[in-house]
Amino acid sequence: MTTTERSAPPAVASHIPLVVVGVVVVLFGLGPPLTKLVTAPPLVGAAMRFAISVPVLVLLLAVRGGKVDRSLLRTTMWPGLAFGTNLIFVFATLQEVTVSVLSTVVANQPAVLLLLAGPLFGERPTVRHALWTMGGVAGAALVILGAGSEVRATPLGVLLALAALATFTVYWVLTRRARSNTDVDPIAWMAGANIWSVVSVVPPVLLWTSWSDWAEFGGKDWLWIVLIALLTGALGHVMMSWAHAYVEAARSSLYMLGMHVVAVGVSWPIHGESLTLVQVLGGAIVLVCVAMVIRIPVRVQRS
């Protein structure tokens, strides 16, 4: 069996999960700047990203002596479909709104998880935790919107952005729950989830892309997509899947706001996007809020 029930994850030093999450923040932050280098249509890029990450993850799983079986596919079906569907909504949203609008909506995930943490996981965030989380969301909004770029949105686009927020939250919650309650291997988990993500992406690829779209994929696109698939898609999500067993959902989601700071910082040398004073201020707010939440003791509600 690939997954077994368990009451608690193996004990590790308390700082290790935080270090792992810190590395994930950097890897996830590299995603947007690298994605912007891809010249092919977004949906083609998303399909290629999964096409590369799936065989890599399955191969890594086989090297570790594991395999993709019915139990794993059954366990990862819903989070995998949520993950793939999220990318579909992201693609559709960007046809209606600017990137800054989508990013600002998705940056509200920590606030959503703060409300869900108690009922779903027995996590009891303190008032200080809630206040610092709200501060972190506000700081992320400053980082995203502080560039002063054009803001464009339609009512449909806002609804699609909310759908993107909802589907990624579902993926986050289901992954956190599985890693908390079962002994599923992180690599096995992401292999199964990515397989189901491919399944969810196939219909829109068939409906919304043409041969001319696929003809645009080539040259350096291969390099950028491979880096995205291996760094963000495989390594980043595997590490985050492991960390989900140790870091509370509401906290880990807040820590991920740091990816916006990394993305903006990396876009400066790669794309020549200058940093504004507002963005620097927003980044400082995010980092301070994350640091303060790390200092707050965890309160877990016992049943």
Protein backbone atom coordinates (compact mmCIF):
# COMPACT_ATOMS: atom_id res chain seq x y z
CA MET A 1 0.00 0.00 0.00
CA THR A 2 1.24 3.49 -0.81
CA THR A 3 -0.72 5.19 1.96
CA THR A 4 -1.41 4.11 5.53
CA GLU A 5 -3.24 5.79 8.38
CA ARG A 6 -1.18 7.41 11.07
CA SER A 7 -1.78 9.59 14.11
CA ALA A 8 1.25 11.88 13.81
CA PRO A 9 4.17 12.47 11.42
CA PRO A 10 7.70 11.37 12.40
CA ALA A 11 9.39 13.82 14.75
CA VAL A 12 11.91 16.26 13.25
CA ALA A 13 13.73 19.29 14.61
CA SER A 14 11.29 22.22 14.76
CA HIS A 15 13.39 24.45 12.49
CA ILE A 16 13.66 21.97 9.60
CA PRO A 17 10.07 22.39 8.27
CA LEU A 18 10.51 26.17 8.36
CA VAL A 19 13.77 25.90 6.41
CA VAL A 20 12.04 23.66 3.85
CA VAL A 21 9.16 26.14 3.51
CA GLY A 22 11.71 28.93 3.04
CA VAL A 23 13.29 27.04 0.14
CA VAL A 24 9.82 26.43 -1.33
CA VAL A 25 9.04 30.16 -1.14
CA VAL A 26 12.13 30.85 -3.26
CA LEU A 27 11.29 28.07 -5.75
CA PHE A 28 7.67 29.20 -6.08
CA GLY A 29 8.82 32.79 -6.42
CA LEU A 30 10.94 31.82 -9.43
CA GLY A 31 7.83 30.47 -11.18
CA PRO A 32 6.27 33.73 -12.47
CA PRO A 33 9.51 35.27 -13.82
CA LEU A 34 10.43 32.01 -15.58
CA THR A 35 6.89 31.59 -16.91
CA LYS A 36 7.05 35.07 -18.39
CA LEU A 37 10.06 33.96 -20.46
CA VAL A 38 7.95 31.28 -22.21
CA THR A 39 6.76 32.59 -25.58
CA ALA A 40 4.18 29.84 -26.26
CA PRO A 41 0.50 30.33 -25.29
CA PRO A 42 -0.15 29.82 -21.53
CA LEU A 43 -2.28 26.69 -21.89
CA VAL A 44 0.37 25.03 -24.07
CA GLY A 45 2.98 25.90 -21.46
CA ALA A 46 0.83 24.49 -18.65
CA ALA A 47 0.29 21.22 -20.56
CA MET A 48 4.01 20.88 -21.27
CA ARG A 49 4.82 21.60 -17.63
CA PHE A 50 2.75 18.62 -16.50
CA ALA A 51 3.98 16.45 -19.40
CA ILE A 52 7.54 16.92 -18.14
CA SER A 53 6.94 16.74 -14.37
CA VAL A 54 4.84 13.54 -14.44
CA PRO A 55 7.50 11.18 -15.88
CA VAL A 56 10.18 12.79 -13.66
CA LEU A 57 8.11 12.20 -10.52
CA VAL A 58 7.13 8.65 -11.55
CA LEU A 59 10.79 7.85 -12.23
CA LEU A 60 11.87 9.25 -8.85
CA LEU A 61 9.15 7.20 -7.19
CA ALA A 62 10.33 4.04 -8.95
CA VAL A 63 13.94 4.69 -7.86
CA ARG A 64 12.68 4.86 -4.27
CA GLY A 65 10.97 1.50 -4.72
CA GLY A 66 7.45 2.90 -5.01
CA LYS A 67 4.87 2.78 -7.76
CA VAL A 68 1.68 4.43 -8.91
CA ASP A 69 -1.10 2.07 -7.82
CA ARG A 70 -4.86 2.29 -7.45
CA SER A 71 -4.60 3.34 -3.82
CA LEU A 72 -2.39 6.32 -4.70
CA LEU A 73 -4.56 7.38 -7.63
CA ARG A 74 -7.68 7.12 -5.47
CA THR A 75 -6.08 9.22 -2.72
CA THR A 76 -4.73 11.93 -5.04
CA MET A 77 -7.68 12.21 -7.41
CA TRP A 78 -9.48 15.22 -5.92
CA PRO A 79 -6.42 17.30 -5.01
CA GLY A 80 -4.88 16.52 -8.39
CA LEU A 81 -8.02 17.55 -10.26
CA ALA A 82 -8.21 20.71 -8.13
CA PHE A 83 -4.58 21.51 -8.94
CA GLY A 84 -5.04 21.07 -12.67
CA THR A 85 -8.39 22.89 -12.69
CA ASN A 86 -6.71 25.77 -10.87
CA LEU A 87 -4.34 26.23 -13.82
CA ILE A 88 -7.31 26.21 -16.19
CA PHE A 89 -9.00 28.98 -14.19
CA VAL A 90 -5.74 30.91 -14.09
CA PHE A 91 -5.49 30.69 -17.88
CA ALA A 92 -9.12 31.78 -18.35
CA THR A 93 -8.77 34.58 -15.79
CA LEU A 94 -5.79 36.12 -17.58
CA GLN A 95 -7.96 36.54 -20.68
CA GLU A 96 -10.21 38.88 -18.67
CA VAL A 97 -7.98 40.61 -16.10
CA THR A 98 -4.40 41.75 -15.69
CA VAL A 99 -1.89 39.62 -13.78
CA SER A 100 -1.91 42.05 -10.87
CA VAL A 101 -5.65 41.55 -10.31
CA LEU A 102 -5.35 37.75 -10.32
CA SER A 103 -2.34 37.83 -8.00
CA THR A 104 -4.10 40.15 -5.57
CA VAL A 105 -7.15 37.89 -5.38
CA VAL A 106 -5.06 34.73 -4.89
CA ALA A 107 -2.97 36.49 -2.22
CA ASN A 108 -6.09 36.39 -0.01
CA GLN A 109 -5.66 32.63 0.48
CA PRO A 110 -4.06 32.98 3.94
CA ALA A 111 -7.14 34.87 5.14
CA VAL A 112 -9.44 32.16 3.76
CA LEU A 113 -7.41 29.38 5.38
CA LEU A 114 -7.39 31.28 8.65
CA LEU A 115 -11.17 30.85 8.74
CA LEU A 116 -11.01 27.18 7.70
CA ALA A 117 -8.12 26.10 9.94
CA GLY A 118 -10.23 25.57 13.06
CA PRO A 119 -13.11 23.53 11.59
CA LEU A 120 -10.88 21.46 9.29
CA PHE A 121 -7.69 20.91 11.25
CA GLY A 122 -8.38 21.90 14.85
CA GLU A 123 -5.91 24.77 14.50
CA ARG A 124 -6.75 27.71 16.73
CA PRO A 125 -5.07 30.87 15.42
CA THR A 126 -4.65 33.59 18.03
CA VAL A 127 -5.83 37.17 17.60
CA ARG A 128 -2.21 38.17 16.97
CA HIS A 129 -1.96 35.49 14.29
CA ALA A 130 -5.08 36.85 12.59
CA LEU A 131 -3.85 40.46 12.72
CA TRP A 132 -0.41 39.61 11.34
CA THR A 133 -2.04 37.53 8.61
CA MET A 134 -4.19 40.48 7.54
CA GLY A 135 -1.04 42.60 7.53
CA GLY A 136 0.75 40.06 5.36
CA VAL A 137 -2.11 40.00 2.83
CA ALA A 138 -2.07 43.80 2.70
CA GLY A 139 1.71 43.79 2.22
CA ALA A 140 1.41 41.27 -0.63
CA ALA A 141 -1.17 43.50 -2.30
CA LEU A 142 1.29 46.41 -2.13
CA VAL A 143 4.03 44.25 -3.69
CA ILE A 144 1.74 43.18 -6.53
CA LEU A 145 -0.03 46.47 -7.24
CA GLY A 146 2.87 48.75 -6.35
CA ALA A 147 4.42 48.43 -9.80
CA GLY A 148 1.88 50.95 -11.05
CA SER A 149 0.98 48.81 -14.05
CA GLU A 150 -2.38 49.05 -15.77
CA VAL A 151 -5.21 47.36 -13.88
CA ARG A 152 -7.91 45.80 -16.05
CA ALA A 153 -10.76 43.55 -14.95
CA THR A 154 -14.21 42.42 -16.06
CA PRO A 155 -16.95 40.96 -13.82
CA LEU A 156 -16.35 37.54 -15.43
CA GLY A 157 -12.63 37.90 -14.80
CA VAL A 158 -13.18 38.60 -11.11
CA LEU A 159 -15.41 35.52 -10.82
CA LEU A 160 -12.78 33.40 -12.55
CA ALA A 161 -10.08 34.78 -10.24
CA LEU A 162 -12.20 33.80 -7.24
CA ALA A 163 -12.56 30.32 -8.78
CA ALA A 164 -8.77 30.16 -9.08
CA LEU A 165 -8.48 31.12 -5.41
CA ALA A 166 -11.05 28.47 -4.43
CA THR A 167 -9.50 25.62 -6.42
CA PHE A 168 -5.98 26.29 -5.15
CA THR A 169 -7.32 26.48 -1.60
CA VAL A 170 -9.02 23.11 -2.10
CA TYR A 171 -5.74 21.64 -3.34
CA TRP A 172 -3.87 23.15 -0.37
CA VAL A 173 -6.40 21.89 2.18
CA LEU A 174 -6.62 18.37 0.74
CA THR A 175 -2.84 18.07 0.58
CA ARG A 176 -2.46 19.29 4.15
CA ARG A 177 -5.14 16.85 5.35
CA ALA A 178 -3.60 13.87 3.53
CA ARG A 179 -0.10 14.63 4.78
CA SER A 180 -1.43 15.01 8.33
CA ASN A 181 -3.47 11.82 8.44
CA THR A 182 -1.58 9.32 6.26
CA ASP A 183 1.94 8.09 5.59
CA VAL A 184 1.75 8.96 1.90
CA ASP A 185 5.21 9.61 0.47
CA PRO A 186 5.60 13.24 -0.76
CA ILE A 187 7.01 12.13 -4.12
CA ALA A 188 4.24 9.57 -4.54
CA TRP A 189 1.66 12.19 -3.61
CA MET A 190 2.87 14.68 -6.21
CA ALA A 191 3.22 11.96 -8.86
CA GLY A 192 -0.42 10.98 -8.38
CA ALA A 193 -1.60 14.60 -8.16
CA ASN A 194 0.22 15.55 -11.36
CA ILE A 195 -1.27 12.60 -13.23
CA TRP A 196 -4.76 13.80 -12.33
CA SER A 197 -3.74 17.36 -13.22
CA VAL A 198 -2.91 16.13 -16.72
CA VAL A 199 -6.38 14.57 -16.91
CA SER A 200 -7.99 17.89 -15.97
CA VAL A 201 -5.93 19.87 -18.49
CA VAL A 202 -6.62 17.63 -21.51
CA PRO A 203 -10.19 18.88 -22.23
CA PRO A 204 -9.33 22.62 -22.36
CA VAL A 205 -6.21 21.86 -24.39
CA LEU A 206 -8.34 20.05 -26.97
CA LEU A 207 -10.97 22.80 -26.95
CA TRP A 208 -8.88 25.97 -26.78
CA THR A 209 -5.61 25.25 -28.57
CA SER A 210 -4.73 24.69 -32.20
CA TRP A 211 -1.73 23.34 -34.08
CA SER A 212 -0.53 26.88 -34.57
CA ASP A 213 -0.43 27.35 -30.77
CA TRP A 214 1.74 24.26 -30.38
CA ALA A 215 3.97 25.40 -33.26
CA GLU A 216 4.88 28.46 -31.14
CA PHE A 217 6.48 26.21 -28.53
CA GLY A 218 10.16 25.71 -29.22
CA GLY A 219 13.68 27.05 -28.79
CA LYS A 220 14.36 28.38 -25.31
CA ASP A 221 10.79 27.57 -24.28
CA TRP A 222 12.07 24.02 -23.62
CA LEU A 223 14.67 25.34 -21.19
CA TRP A 224 12.23 27.54 -19.25
CA ILE A 225 9.50 24.89 -19.09
CA VAL A 226 11.96 22.23 -17.91
CA LEU A 227 13.19 24.56 -15.17
CA ILE A 228 9.61 25.36 -14.14
CA ALA A 229 8.61 21.68 -14.18
CA LEU A 230 11.65 20.54 -12.19
CA LEU A 231 12.11 23.43 -9.75
CA THR A 232 8.59 24.68 -9.08
CA GLY A 233 6.54 21.74 -10.29
CA ALA A 234 8.52 18.79 -8.94
CA LEU A 235 11.01 19.89 -6.28
CA GLY A 236 8.97 22.78 -4.90
CA HIS A 237 5.67 20.92 -4.56
CA VAL A 238 7.31 17.75 -3.23
CA MET A 239 9.04 19.77 -0.51
CA MET A 240 5.82 21.61 0.30
CA SER A 241 3.94 18.33 0.42
CA TRP A 242 6.46 17.07 2.99
CA ALA A 243 6.21 20.29 5.01
CA HIS A 244 2.40 20.08 5.11
CA ALA A 245 2.75 17.30 7.68
CA TYR A 246 4.50 19.69 10.10
CA VAL A 247 3.36 23.24 9.35
CA GLU A 248 -0.23 24.33 10.03
CA ALA A 249 -2.27 25.19 6.94
CA ALA A 250 -3.01 28.79 7.96
CA ARG A 251 0.67 29.42 8.70
CA SER A 252 2.14 27.76 5.62
CA SER A 253 -0.22 29.71 3.38
CA LEU A 254 0.90 32.96 5.00
CA TYR A 255 4.56 32.04 4.55
CA MET A 256 3.89 31.53 0.84
CA LEU A 257 3.17 35.26 0.50
CA GLY A 258 6.94 35.61 0.48
CA MET A 259 6.93 34.18 -3.05
CA HIS A 260 5.55 37.50 -4.32
CA VAL A 261 8.53 39.28 -2.80
CA VAL A 262 10.90 36.81 -4.49
CA ALA A 263 9.07 37.07 -7.83
CA VAL A 264 9.28 40.85 -7.87
CA GLY A 265 12.93 40.82 -6.81
CA VAL A 266 13.92 38.27 -9.48
CA SER A 267 11.93 40.08 -12.19
CA TRP A 268 14.13 43.13 -11.65
CA PRO A 269 17.34 41.66 -13.18
CA ILE A 270 15.62 39.16 -15.53
CA HIS A 271 12.94 41.38 -17.08
CA GLY A 272 14.24 44.83 -16.20
CA GLU A 273 11.16 45.55 -14.10
CA SER A 274 12.19 48.30 -11.70
CA LEU A 275 11.22 48.18 -8.04
CA THR A 276 9.09 50.99 -6.65
CA LEU A 277 9.20 52.32 -3.11
CA VAL A 278 5.68 50.97 -2.55
CA GLN A 279 6.78 47.46 -3.54
CA VAL A 280 9.79 47.60 -1.23
CA LEU A 281 7.53 48.73 1.62
CA GLY A 282 5.05 45.94 0.85
CA GLY A 283 7.83 43.35 0.78
CA ALA A 284 9.11 44.54 4.15
CA ILE A 285 5.58 44.28 5.59
CA VAL A 286 5.21 40.70 4.30
CA LEU A 287 8.53 39.60 5.78
CA VAL A 288 7.83 41.24 9.16
CA CYS A 289 4.35 39.68 9.35
CA VAL A 290 5.69 36.23 8.47
CA ALA A 291 8.45 36.58 11.06
CA MET A 292 5.96 37.58 13.74
CA VAL A 293 3.63 34.65 13.00
CA ILE A 294 6.59 32.25 13.22
CA ARG A 295 7.17 33.55 16.76
CA ILE A 296 3.56 32.92 17.85
CA PRO A 297 3.08 29.54 19.61
CA VAL A 298 0.83 27.02 17.88
CA ARG A 299 -2.51 26.24 19.54
CA VAL A 300 -4.11 22.99 18.48
CA GLN A 301 -7.67 22.20 19.55
CA ARG A 302 -7.96 18.74 21.02
CA SER A 303 -11.06 16.70 20.28
